[in-house]
N, C-alpha and C. Protein backbone atom coordinates (compact mmCIF):
# COMPACT_ATOMS: atom_id res chain seq x y z
N MET A 1 3.07 28.74 21.96
CA MET A 1 2.32 29.78 22.63
C MET A 1 1.70 30.68 21.58
N ASP A 2 0.47 31.02 21.76
CA ASP A 2 -0.26 31.86 20.82
C ASP A 2 0.29 33.28 20.84
N PRO A 3 0.78 33.78 19.69
CA PRO A 3 1.34 35.15 19.65
C PRO A 3 0.30 36.22 20.04
N ARG A 4 -0.97 35.96 19.78
CA ARG A 4 -2.01 36.93 20.15
C ARG A 4 -2.09 37.07 21.66
N PHE A 5 -1.86 35.96 22.37
CA PHE A 5 -1.87 36.00 23.83
C PHE A 5 -0.77 36.92 24.34
N ILE A 6 0.41 36.79 23.77
CA ILE A 6 1.54 37.63 24.18
C ILE A 6 1.27 39.09 23.85
N ASP A 7 0.73 39.36 22.65
CA ASP A 7 0.38 40.73 22.27
C ASP A 7 -0.64 41.32 23.24
N ASP A 8 -1.66 40.54 23.56
CA ASP A 8 -2.71 41.01 24.46
C ASP A 8 -2.14 41.29 25.85
N LEU A 9 -1.30 40.40 26.33
CA LEU A 9 -0.70 40.58 27.65
C LEU A 9 0.21 41.81 27.68
N ALA A 10 0.98 42.02 26.63
CA ALA A 10 1.86 43.19 26.54
C ALA A 10 1.03 44.48 26.52
N LYS A 11 -0.10 44.46 25.80
CA LYS A 11 -0.97 45.64 25.76
C LYS A 11 -1.58 45.92 27.13
N ARG A 12 -1.96 44.85 27.84
CA ARG A 12 -2.52 45.04 29.18
C ARG A 12 -1.48 45.64 30.13
N LEU A 13 -0.26 45.15 30.03
CA LEU A 13 0.80 45.68 30.89
C LEU A 13 1.05 47.15 30.59
N SER A 14 1.10 47.49 29.31
CA SER A 14 1.36 48.90 28.97
C SER A 14 0.18 49.78 29.33
N ALA A 15 -1.04 49.25 29.28
CA ALA A 15 -2.22 50.04 29.66
C ALA A 15 -2.26 50.30 31.16
N ALA A 16 -1.61 49.45 31.92
CA ALA A 16 -1.60 49.61 33.38
C ALA A 16 -0.58 50.64 33.85
N LEU A 17 0.20 51.17 32.93
CA LEU A 17 1.22 52.16 33.30
C LEU A 17 0.59 53.51 33.64
N PRO A 18 1.24 54.28 34.48
CA PRO A 18 0.74 55.62 34.80
C PRO A 18 0.71 56.51 33.56
N PRO A 19 -0.20 57.48 33.52
CA PRO A 19 -0.35 58.35 32.34
C PRO A 19 0.94 59.07 31.94
N GLY A 20 1.79 59.44 32.86
CA GLY A 20 3.02 60.15 32.53
C GLY A 20 3.98 59.33 31.68
N ILE A 21 3.83 58.04 31.70
CA ILE A 21 4.73 57.16 30.95
C ILE A 21 4.12 56.79 29.60
N ALA A 22 2.94 57.31 29.31
CA ALA A 22 2.24 56.99 28.07
C ALA A 22 3.07 57.29 26.83
N ALA A 23 3.96 58.27 26.91
CA ALA A 23 4.80 58.61 25.76
C ALA A 23 5.71 57.44 25.38
N PHE A 24 6.05 56.65 26.34
CA PHE A 24 6.93 55.51 26.08
C PHE A 24 6.15 54.22 25.84
N LYS A 25 4.84 54.33 25.72
CA LYS A 25 3.96 53.17 25.64
C LYS A 25 4.38 52.20 24.53
N GLN A 26 4.64 52.69 23.34
CA GLN A 26 5.00 51.82 22.22
C GLN A 26 6.29 51.06 22.50
N ASP A 27 7.30 51.76 23.01
CA ASP A 27 8.58 51.11 23.32
C ASP A 27 8.41 50.08 24.44
N LEU A 28 7.66 50.46 25.46
CA LEU A 28 7.45 49.55 26.58
C LEU A 28 6.67 48.31 26.15
N GLU A 29 5.67 48.51 25.32
CA GLU A 29 4.88 47.38 24.84
C GLU A 29 5.76 46.41 24.05
N SER A 30 6.63 46.97 23.22
CA SER A 30 7.56 46.14 22.46
C SER A 30 8.52 45.39 23.39
N ASN A 31 9.01 46.10 24.42
CA ASN A 31 9.90 45.45 25.39
C ASN A 31 9.17 44.38 26.19
N PHE A 32 7.92 44.64 26.54
CA PHE A 32 7.13 43.65 27.26
C PHE A 32 7.00 42.38 26.41
N LYS A 33 6.73 42.56 25.12
CA LYS A 33 6.60 41.40 24.22
C LYS A 33 7.89 40.59 24.19
N SER A 34 9.01 41.29 24.07
CA SER A 34 10.30 40.60 24.02
C SER A 34 10.58 39.83 25.30
N VAL A 35 10.33 40.48 26.42
CA VAL A 35 10.57 39.82 27.72
C VAL A 35 9.65 38.62 27.88
N LEU A 36 8.38 38.77 27.53
CA LEU A 36 7.43 37.66 27.66
C LEU A 36 7.83 36.50 26.74
N GLN A 37 8.16 36.79 25.50
CA GLN A 37 8.55 35.73 24.56
C GLN A 37 9.80 35.02 25.04
N SER A 38 10.76 35.78 25.52
CA SER A 38 12.00 35.21 26.01
C SER A 38 11.75 34.32 27.22
N GLY A 39 10.97 34.82 28.16
CA GLY A 39 10.67 34.05 29.36
C GLY A 39 9.89 32.78 29.07
N LEU A 40 8.91 32.89 28.20
CA LEU A 40 8.11 31.71 27.86
C LEU A 40 8.90 30.71 27.04
N ALA A 41 9.83 31.18 26.23
CA ALA A 41 10.65 30.27 25.43
C ALA A 41 11.55 29.41 26.30
N LYS A 42 11.91 29.92 27.47
CA LYS A 42 12.78 29.17 28.38
C LYS A 42 12.03 28.06 29.11
N LEU A 43 10.73 28.18 29.16
CA LEU A 43 9.92 27.17 29.85
C LEU A 43 9.76 25.94 28.95
N ASP A 44 9.66 24.80 29.57
CA ASP A 44 9.48 23.56 28.82
C ASP A 44 7.99 23.29 28.68
N LEU A 45 7.34 24.02 27.76
CA LEU A 45 5.91 23.94 27.58
C LEU A 45 5.55 23.07 26.38
N VAL A 46 4.39 22.45 26.44
CA VAL A 46 3.87 21.70 25.30
C VAL A 46 2.51 22.27 24.94
N THR A 47 2.09 22.01 23.73
CA THR A 47 0.76 22.47 23.31
C THR A 47 -0.30 21.58 23.95
N ARG A 48 -1.51 22.05 23.95
CA ARG A 48 -2.62 21.26 24.49
C ARG A 48 -2.77 19.97 23.71
N GLU A 49 -2.59 20.05 22.39
CA GLU A 49 -2.70 18.86 21.53
C GLU A 49 -1.65 17.83 21.91
N GLU A 50 -0.41 18.26 22.10
CA GLU A 50 0.66 17.33 22.51
C GLU A 50 0.35 16.71 23.87
N PHE A 51 -0.17 17.52 24.79
CA PHE A 51 -0.53 17.03 26.11
C PHE A 51 -1.61 15.97 26.02
N ASP A 52 -2.64 16.23 25.21
CA ASP A 52 -3.74 15.29 25.06
C ASP A 52 -3.27 13.97 24.44
N VAL A 53 -2.38 14.06 23.45
CA VAL A 53 -1.84 12.85 22.83
C VAL A 53 -1.07 12.02 23.86
N GLN A 54 -0.21 12.68 24.63
CA GLN A 54 0.58 11.96 25.63
C GLN A 54 -0.30 11.41 26.75
N SER A 55 -1.37 12.11 27.09
CA SER A 55 -2.31 11.59 28.09
C SER A 55 -2.97 10.31 27.60
N GLY A 56 -3.31 10.30 26.32
CA GLY A 56 -3.90 9.09 25.72
C GLY A 56 -2.93 7.93 25.73
N VAL A 57 -1.68 8.20 25.38
CA VAL A 57 -0.65 7.16 25.39
C VAL A 57 -0.48 6.62 26.81
N LEU A 58 -0.44 7.50 27.78
CA LEU A 58 -0.29 7.08 29.18
C LEU A 58 -1.48 6.24 29.63
N LYS A 59 -2.68 6.62 29.24
CA LYS A 59 -3.87 5.86 29.61
C LYS A 59 -3.81 4.45 29.03
N ARG A 60 -3.46 4.34 27.75
CA ARG A 60 -3.36 3.01 27.13
C ARG A 60 -2.26 2.17 27.78
N THR A 61 -1.16 2.81 28.13
CA THR A 61 -0.06 2.11 28.79
C THR A 61 -0.50 1.58 30.15
N ARG A 62 -1.21 2.39 30.89
CA ARG A 62 -1.71 1.96 32.21
C ARG A 62 -2.68 0.79 32.07
N GLU A 63 -3.54 0.84 31.05
CA GLU A 63 -4.49 -0.26 30.82
C GLU A 63 -3.75 -1.55 30.48
N LYS A 64 -2.73 -1.46 29.63
CA LYS A 64 -1.94 -2.65 29.28
C LYS A 64 -1.20 -3.19 30.50
N LEU A 65 -0.65 -2.28 31.31
CA LEU A 65 0.05 -2.70 32.52
C LEU A 65 -0.89 -3.42 33.48
N ALA A 66 -2.09 -2.89 33.66
CA ALA A 66 -3.07 -3.53 34.54
C ALA A 66 -3.43 -4.92 34.02
N ALA A 67 -3.61 -5.05 32.70
CA ALA A 67 -3.92 -6.35 32.12
C ALA A 67 -2.77 -7.33 32.32
N LEU A 68 -1.54 -6.87 32.12
CA LEU A 68 -0.37 -7.73 32.31
C LEU A 68 -0.21 -8.13 33.78
N GLU A 69 -0.48 -7.20 34.70
CA GLU A 69 -0.39 -7.53 36.12
C GLU A 69 -1.43 -8.58 36.50
N ALA A 70 -2.64 -8.45 35.96
CA ALA A 70 -3.69 -9.43 36.23
C ALA A 70 -3.31 -10.79 35.65
N ARG A 71 -2.75 -10.79 34.46
CA ARG A 71 -2.33 -12.05 33.82
C ARG A 71 -1.21 -12.70 34.62
N LEU A 72 -0.25 -11.90 35.07
CA LEU A 72 0.85 -12.42 35.87
C LEU A 72 0.35 -12.99 37.19
N ALA A 73 -0.58 -12.29 37.82
CA ALA A 73 -1.15 -12.78 39.08
C ALA A 73 -1.86 -14.11 38.87
N ALA A 74 -2.59 -14.23 37.75
CA ALA A 74 -3.28 -15.49 37.45
C ALA A 74 -2.28 -16.61 37.20
N LEU A 75 -1.22 -16.32 36.49
CA LEU A 75 -0.19 -17.34 36.24
C LEU A 75 0.50 -17.75 37.53
N GLU A 76 0.80 -16.78 38.38
CA GLU A 76 1.47 -17.08 39.66
C GLU A 76 0.55 -17.89 40.58
N SER A 77 -0.73 -17.56 40.61
CA SER A 77 -1.64 -18.30 41.48
C SER A 77 -1.82 -19.72 40.94
N GLY A 78 -1.79 -19.91 39.64
CA GLY A 78 -1.88 -21.26 39.05
C GLY A 78 -0.64 -22.07 39.37
N ARG A 79 0.49 -21.44 39.43
CA ARG A 79 1.75 -22.12 39.71
C ARG A 79 1.80 -22.52 41.18
N GLN A 80 1.26 -21.68 42.06
CA GLN A 80 1.30 -21.97 43.49
C GLN A 80 0.39 -23.13 43.85
N GLU A 81 -0.68 -23.34 43.07
CA GLU A 81 -1.62 -24.44 43.35
C GLU A 81 -1.00 -25.78 42.98
N SER A 82 -0.05 -25.79 42.10
CA SER A 82 0.54 -27.06 41.63
C SER A 82 1.49 -27.66 42.63
């Protein structure tokens, strides 16, 4: 996860606070960052690059499976004719 994204989100959350709480803004922003990092760390996330690589692997696997299924069907139909 991009640390800038977490920083930006924490700043947005602290900016949304009422003016009376502005004195605690720095502490709250720091706490927001900690909570966000902790919560996101618990999720089973992958990077976009990892996702794209695995998508490519899955596509190639599906293509090979389709070719093998077609080959098996051809072999089975040849066997049934005999």
